[in-house]
PDB file of all heavy atoms in Angstrom:
ATOM      1  N   GLU A   1       0.804  -1.217   0.000  1.00  0.00           N
ATOM      2  CA  GLU A   1       0.000   0.000   0.000  1.00  0.00           C
ATOM      3  C   GLU A   1       0.841   1.273   0.000  1.00  0.00           C
ATOM      4  O   GLU A   1       0.301   2.364  -0.171  1.00  0.00           O
ATOM      5  CB  GLU A   1      -0.928  -0.007   1.214  1.00  0.00           C
ATOM      6  CG  GLU A   1      -1.913  -1.162   1.187  1.00  0.00           C
ATOM      7  CD  GLU A   1      -2.699  -1.289   2.473  1.00  0.00           C
ATOM      8  OE1 GLU A   1      -2.670  -0.363   3.308  1.00  0.00           O
ATOM      9  OE2 GLU A   1      -3.343  -2.333   2.656  1.00  0.00           O
ATOM     10  N   LEU A   2       2.146   1.168   0.168  1.00  0.00           N
ATOM     11  CA  LEU A   2       3.007   2.347   0.235  1.00  0.00           C
ATOM     12  C   LEU A   2       3.372   2.897  -1.142  1.00  0.00           C
ATOM     13  O   LEU A   2       3.944   3.983  -1.235  1.00  0.00           O
ATOM     14  CB  LEU A   2       4.278   2.030   1.026  1.00  0.00           C
ATOM     15  CG  LEU A   2       4.077   1.695   2.494  1.00  0.00           C
ATOM     16  CD1 LEU A   2       5.405   1.323   3.141  1.00  0.00           C
ATOM     17  CD2 LEU A   2       3.427   2.857   3.225  1.00  0.00           C
ATOM     18  N   GLY A   3       3.081   2.157  -2.210  1.00  0.00           N
ATOM     19  CA  GLY A   3       3.363   2.653  -3.553  1.00  0.00           C
ATOM     20  C   GLY A   3       4.825   2.593  -3.957  1.00  0.00           C
ATOM     21  O   GLY A   3       5.284   3.413  -4.760  1.00  0.00           O
ATOM     22  N   ILE A   4       5.566   1.648  -3.427  1.00  0.00           N
ATOM     23  CA  ILE A   4       6.991   1.535  -3.749  1.00  0.00           C
ATOM     24  C   ILE A   4       7.192   1.321  -5.247  1.00  0.00           C
ATOM     25  O   ILE A   4       8.110   1.898  -5.843  1.00  0.00           O
ATOM     26  CB  ILE A   4       7.648   0.422  -2.906  1.00  0.00           C
ATOM     27  CG1 ILE A   4       7.650   0.842  -1.435  1.00  0.00           C
ATOM     28  CG2 ILE A   4       9.063   0.112  -3.397  1.00  0.00           C
ATOM     29  CD1 ILE A   4       8.067  -0.228  -0.459  1.00  0.00           C
ATOM     30  N   ASP A   5       6.334   0.540  -5.879  1.00  0.00           N
ATOM     31  CA  ASP A   5       6.442   0.320  -7.333  1.00  0.00           C
ATOM     32  C   ASP A   5       6.421   1.640  -8.094  1.00  0.00           C
ATOM     33  O   ASP A   5       7.210   1.848  -9.020  1.00  0.00           O
ATOM     34  CB  ASP A   5       5.296  -0.561  -7.846  1.00  0.00           C
ATOM     35  CG  ASP A   5       5.431  -1.997  -7.410  1.00  0.00           C
ATOM     36  OD1 ASP A   5       6.514  -2.573  -7.605  1.00  0.00           O
ATOM     37  OD2 ASP A   5       4.448  -2.538  -6.878  1.00  0.00           O
ATOM     38  N   GLU A   6       5.510   2.523  -7.725  1.00  0.00           N
ATOM     39  CA  GLU A   6       5.371   3.807  -8.414  1.00  0.00           C
ATOM     40  C   GLU A   6       6.623   4.660  -8.233  1.00  0.00           C
ATOM     41  O   GLU A   6       7.051   5.345  -9.160  1.00  0.00           O
ATOM     42  CB  GLU A   6       4.136   4.568  -7.919  1.00  0.00           C
ATOM     43  CG  GLU A   6       2.816   3.945  -8.350  1.00  0.00           C
ATOM     44  CD  GLU A   6       2.361   2.782  -7.473  1.00  0.00           C
ATOM     45  OE1 GLU A   6       3.000   2.494  -6.425  1.00  0.00           O
ATOM     46  OE2 GLU A   6       1.362   2.131  -7.840  1.00  0.00           O
ATOM     47  N   LEU A   7       7.208   4.624  -7.040  1.00  0.00           N
ATOM     48  CA  LEU A   7       8.434   5.385  -6.791  1.00  0.00           C
ATOM     49  C   LEU A   7       9.567   4.873  -7.673  1.00  0.00           C
ATOM     50  O   LEU A   7      10.322   5.663  -8.260  1.00  0.00           O
ATOM     51  CB  LEU A   7       8.825   5.285  -5.311  1.00  0.00           C
ATOM     52  CG  LEU A   7       7.806   5.795  -4.297  1.00  0.00           C
ATOM     53  CD1 LEU A   7       8.278   5.516  -2.882  1.00  0.00           C
ATOM     54  CD2 LEU A   7       7.523   7.268  -4.508  1.00  0.00           C
ATOM     55  N   LEU A   8       9.678   3.560  -7.768  1.00  0.00           N
ATOM     56  CA  LEU A   8      10.724   2.957  -8.604  1.00  0.00           C
ATOM     57  C   LEU A   8      10.491   3.277 -10.073  1.00  0.00           C
ATOM     58  O   LEU A   8      11.434   3.644 -10.790  1.00  0.00           O
ATOM     59  CB  LEU A   8      10.767   1.438  -8.383  1.00  0.00           C
ATOM     60  CG  LEU A   8      11.152   0.981  -6.973  1.00  0.00           C
ATOM     61  CD1 LEU A   8      10.897  -0.501  -6.803  1.00  0.00           C
ATOM     62  CD2 LEU A   8      12.600   1.337  -6.668  1.00  0.00           C
ATOM     63  N   ASP A   9       9.246   3.178 -10.516  1.00  0.00           N
ATOM     64  CA  ASP A   9       8.908   3.471 -11.913  1.00  0.00           C
ATOM     65  C   ASP A   9       9.184   4.927 -12.271  1.00  0.00           C
ATOM     66  O   ASP A   9       9.463   5.243 -13.427  1.00  0.00           O
ATOM     67  CB  ASP A   9       7.441   3.137 -12.207  1.00  0.00           C
ATOM     68  CG  ASP A   9       7.175   1.643 -12.207  1.00  0.00           C
ATOM     69  OD1 ASP A   9       8.150   0.848 -12.274  1.00  0.00           O
ATOM     70  OD2 ASP A   9       5.991   1.262 -12.121  1.00  0.00           O
ATOM     71  N   ALA A  10       9.112   5.817 -11.281  1.00  0.00           N
ATOM     72  CA  ALA A  10       9.367   7.238 -11.524  1.00  0.00           C
ATOM     73  C   ALA A  10      10.859   7.561 -11.547  1.00  0.00           C
ATOM     74  O   ALA A  10      11.241   8.712 -11.749  1.00  0.00           O
ATOM     75  CB  ALA A  10       8.664   8.075 -10.457  1.00  0.00           C
ATOM     76  N   GLY A  11      11.711   6.552 -11.318  1.00  0.00           N
ATOM     77  CA  GLY A  11      13.155   6.761 -11.412  1.00  0.00           C
ATOM     78  C   GLY A  11      13.835   7.133 -10.118  1.00  0.00           C
ATOM     79  O   GLY A  11      14.999   7.535 -10.120  1.00  0.00           O
ATOM     80  N   ALA A  12      13.150   6.997  -9.004  1.00  0.00           N
ATOM     81  CA  ALA A  12      13.768   7.290  -7.714  1.00  0.00           C
ATOM     82  C   ALA A  12      14.624   6.102  -7.271  1.00  0.00           C
ATOM     83  O   ALA A  12      14.457   4.977  -7.734  1.00  0.00           O
ATOM     84  CB  ALA A  12      12.689   7.557  -6.664  1.00  0.00           C
ATOM     85  N   VAL A  13      15.534   6.375  -6.344  1.00  0.00           N
ATOM     86  CA  VAL A  13      16.217   5.325  -5.599  1.00  0.00           C
ATOM     87  C   VAL A  13      15.404   5.149  -4.320  1.00  0.00           C
ATOM     88  O   VAL A  13      15.049   6.135  -3.661  1.00  0.00           O
ATOM     89  CB  VAL A  13      17.673   5.714  -5.270  1.00  0.00           C
ATOM     90  CG1 VAL A  13      18.285   4.744  -4.271  1.00  0.00           C
ATOM     91  CG2 VAL A  13      18.507   5.783  -6.543  1.00  0.00           C
ATOM     92  N   VAL A  14      15.070   3.911  -3.979  1.00  0.00           N
ATOM     93  CA  VAL A  14      14.283   3.635  -2.784  1.00  0.00           C
ATOM     94  C   VAL A  14      15.121   2.758  -1.851  1.00  0.00           C
ATOM     95  O   VAL A  14      15.584   1.686  -2.244  1.00  0.00           O
ATOM     96  CB  VAL A  14      12.948   2.927  -3.133  1.00  0.00           C
ATOM     97  CG1 VAL A  14      12.162   2.636  -1.858  1.00  0.00           C
ATOM     98  CG2 VAL A  14      12.122   3.781  -4.096  1.00  0.00           C
ATOM     99  N   VAL A  15      15.334   3.253  -0.634  1.00  0.00           N
ATOM    100  CA  VAL A  15      16.077   2.527   0.399  1.00  0.00           C
ATOM    101  C   VAL A  15      15.077   2.116   1.459  1.00  0.00           C
ATOM    102  O   VAL A  15      14.370   2.964   2.008  1.00  0.00           O
ATOM    103  CB  VAL A  15      17.188   3.402   1.010  1.00  0.00           C
ATOM    104  CG1 VAL A  15      17.874   2.677   2.158  1.00  0.00           C
ATOM    105  CG2 VAL A  15      18.200   3.804  -0.058  1.00  0.00           C
ATOM    106  N   VAL A  16      15.004   0.820   1.753  1.00  0.00           N
ATOM    107  CA  VAL A  16      14.006   0.290   2.683  1.00  0.00           C
ATOM    108  C   VAL A  16      14.691  -0.351   3.888  1.00  0.00           C
ATOM    109  O   VAL A  16      15.434  -1.322   3.738  1.00  0.00           O
ATOM    110  CB  VAL A  16      13.101  -0.758   1.989  1.00  0.00           C
ATOM    111  CG1 VAL A  16      12.097  -1.337   2.979  1.00  0.00           C
ATOM    112  CG2 VAL A  16      12.398  -0.152   0.789  1.00  0.00           C
ATOM    113  N   GLU A  17      14.455   0.227   5.068  1.00  0.00           N
ATOM    114  CA  GLU A  17      14.896  -0.418   6.304  1.00  0.00           C
ATOM    115  C   GLU A  17      13.875  -1.486   6.663  1.00  0.00           C
ATOM    116  O   GLU A  17      12.691  -1.326   6.441  1.00  0.00           O
ATOM    117  CB  GLU A  17      15.024   0.605   7.428  1.00  0.00           C
ATOM    118  CG  GLU A  17      16.134   1.607   7.177  1.00  0.00           C
ATOM    119  CD  GLU A  17      16.459   2.447   8.397  1.00  0.00           C
ATOM    120  OE1 GLU A  17      16.384   1.918   9.533  1.00  0.00           O
ATOM    121  OE2 GLU A  17      16.794   3.629   8.206  1.00  0.00           O
ATOM    122  N   TRP A  18      14.357  -2.609   7.216  1.00  0.00           N
ATOM    123  CA  TRP A  18      13.529  -3.769   7.523  1.00  0.00           C
ATOM    124  C   TRP A  18      13.011  -4.360   6.213  1.00  0.00           C
ATOM    125  O   TRP A  18      11.847  -4.716   6.077  1.00  0.00           O
ATOM    126  CB  TRP A  18      12.403  -3.436   8.506  1.00  0.00           C
ATOM    127  CG  TRP A  18      12.949  -2.863   9.777  1.00  0.00           C
ATOM    128  CD1 TRP A  18      13.055  -1.548  10.115  1.00  0.00           C
ATOM    129  CD2 TRP A  18      13.553  -3.580  10.850  1.00  0.00           C
ATOM    130  NE1 TRP A  18      13.663  -1.407  11.326  1.00  0.00           N
ATOM    131  CE2 TRP A  18      13.979  -2.639  11.802  1.00  0.00           C
ATOM    132  CE3 TRP A  18      13.773  -4.940  11.101  1.00  0.00           C
ATOM    133  CZ2 TRP A  18      14.624  -2.998  12.984  1.00  0.00           C
ATOM    134  CZ3 TRP A  18      14.399  -5.295  12.275  1.00  0.00           C
ATOM    135  CH2 TRP A  18      14.809  -4.334  13.201  1.00  0.00           C
ATOM    136  N   GLY A  19      13.904  -4.449   5.237  1.00  0.00           N
ATOM    137  CA  GLY A  19      13.572  -4.925   3.904  1.00  0.00           C
ATOM    138  C   GLY A  19      13.045  -6.347   3.860  1.00  0.00           C
ATOM    139  O   GLY A  19      12.391  -6.731   2.893  1.00  0.00           O
ATOM    140  N   GLU A  20      13.284  -7.112   4.909  1.00  0.00           N
ATOM    141  CA  GLU A  20      12.741  -8.469   4.946  1.00  0.00           C
ATOM    142  C   GLU A  20      11.218  -8.453   5.002  1.00  0.00           C
ATOM    143  O   GLU A  20      10.567  -9.464   4.753  1.00  0.00           O
ATOM    144  CB  GLU A  20      13.326  -9.272   6.117  1.00  0.00           C
ATOM    145  CG  GLU A  20      12.974  -8.766   7.492  1.00  0.00           C
ATOM    146  CD  GLU A  20      13.912  -7.676   8.035  1.00  0.00           C
ATOM    147  OE1 GLU A  20      14.600  -7.007   7.232  1.00  0.00           O
ATOM    148  OE2 GLU A  20      13.941  -7.504   9.266  1.00  0.00           O
ATOM    149  N   ARG A  21      10.616  -7.296   5.276  1.00  0.00           N
ATOM    150  CA  ARG A  21       9.157  -7.173   5.328  1.00  0.00           C
ATOM    151  C   ARG A  21       8.565  -6.732   3.990  1.00  0.00           C
ATOM    152  O   ARG A  21       7.352  -6.554   3.885  1.00  0.00           O
ATOM    153  CB  ARG A  21       8.765  -6.207   6.439  1.00  0.00           C
ATOM    154  CG  ARG A  21       9.189  -6.755   7.794  1.00  0.00           C
ATOM    155  CD  ARG A  21       8.872  -5.847   8.928  1.00  0.00           C
ATOM    156  NE  ARG A  21       9.416  -6.464  10.156  1.00  0.00           N
ATOM    157  CZ  ARG A  21       9.258  -5.980  11.348  1.00  0.00           C
ATOM    158  NH1 ARG A  21       8.565  -4.878  11.523  1.00  0.00           N
ATOM    159  NH2 ARG A  21       9.782  -6.582  12.389  1.00  0.00           N
ATOM    160  N   LEU A  22       9.423  -6.568   2.986  1.00  0.00           N
ATOM    161  CA  LEU A  22       8.936  -6.267   1.636  1.00  0.00           C
ATOM    162  C   LEU A  22       8.237  -7.493   1.053  1.00  0.00           C
ATOM    163  O   LEU A  22       8.598  -8.629   1.387  1.00  0.00           O
ATOM    164  CB  LEU A  22      10.102  -5.916   0.711  1.00  0.00           C
ATOM    165  CG  LEU A  22      10.688  -4.518   0.798  1.00  0.00           C
ATOM    166  CD1 LEU A  22      12.023  -4.474   0.063  1.00  0.00           C
ATOM    167  CD2 LEU A  22       9.713  -3.502   0.244  1.00  0.00           C
ATOM    168  N   PRO A  23       7.294  -7.285   0.150  1.00  0.00           N
ATOM    169  CA  PRO A  23       6.725  -8.433  -0.568  1.00  0.00           C
ATOM    170  C   PRO A  23       7.832  -9.163  -1.336  1.00  0.00           C
ATOM    171  O   PRO A  23       8.789  -8.538  -1.814  1.00  0.00           O
ATOM    172  CB  PRO A  23       5.731  -7.793  -1.540  1.00  0.00           C
ATOM    173  CG  PRO A  23       5.431  -6.451  -0.967  1.00  0.00           C
ATOM    174  CD  PRO A  23       6.672  -6.017  -0.235  1.00  0.00           C
ATOM    175  N   GLU A  24       7.708 -10.460  -1.439  1.00  0.00           N
ATOM    176  CA  GLU A  24       8.729 -11.290  -2.097  1.00  0.00           C
ATOM    177  C   GLU A  24       9.083 -10.772  -3.483  1.00  0.00           C
ATOM    178  O   GLU A  24      10.239 -10.749  -3.875  1.00  0.00           O
ATOM    179  CB  GLU A  24       8.247 -12.750  -2.167  1.00  0.00           C
ATOM    180  CG  GLU A  24       9.160 -13.667  -2.959  1.00  0.00           C
ATOM    181  CD  GLU A  24      10.572 -13.762  -2.411  1.00  0.00           C
ATOM    182  OE1 GLU A  24      10.756 -13.666  -1.184  1.00  0.00           O
ATOM    183  OE2 GLU A  24      11.519 -13.942  -3.221  1.00  0.00           O
ATOM    184  N   ARG A  25       8.099 -10.347  -4.262  1.00  0.00           N
ATOM    185  CA  ARG A  25       8.372  -9.903  -5.630  1.00  0.00           C
ATOM    186  C   ARG A  25       9.294  -8.692  -5.659  1.00  0.00           C
ATOM    187  O   ARG A  25      10.092  -8.538  -6.575  1.00  0.00           O
ATOM    188  CB  ARG A  25       7.071  -9.609  -6.376  1.00  0.00           C
ATOM    189  CG  ARG A  25       6.307  -8.448  -5.823  1.00  0.00           C
ATOM    190  CD  ARG A  25       5.033  -8.130  -6.595  1.00  0.00           C
ATOM    191  NE  ARG A  25       4.408  -6.949  -6.031  1.00  0.00           N
ATOM    192  CZ  ARG A  25       4.840  -5.715  -6.224  1.00  0.00           C
ATOM    193  NH1 ARG A  25       5.873  -5.493  -6.990  1.00  0.00           N
ATOM    194  NH2 ARG A  25       4.219  -4.692  -5.665  1.00  0.00           N
ATOM    195  N   LEU A  26       9.244  -7.832  -4.649  1.00  0.00           N
ATOM    196  CA  LEU A  26      10.157  -6.697  -4.570  1.00  0.00           C
ATOM    197  C   LEU A  26      11.527  -7.117  -4.043  1.00  0.00           C
ATOM    198  O   LEU A  26      12.553  -6.634  -4.518  1.00  0.00           O
ATOM    199  CB  LEU A  26       9.572  -5.589  -3.693  1.00  0.00           C
ATOM    200  CG  LEU A  26       8.378  -4.833  -4.276  1.00  0.00           C
ATOM    201  CD1 LEU A  26       7.772  -3.897  -3.235  1.00  0.00           C
ATOM    202  CD2 LEU A  26       8.776  -4.061  -5.518  1.00  0.00           C
TER     203      LEU A  26
END
C-alpha cells in the first residue's frame, strides 16, 4: 500500500529499512 512500485517506476532510488518485510516480488 506504500506505492513503492510507483516510486521505482518514476526513477527514484528507494532505500528500505527492515527490507525483509517487503513483498517477495520486490
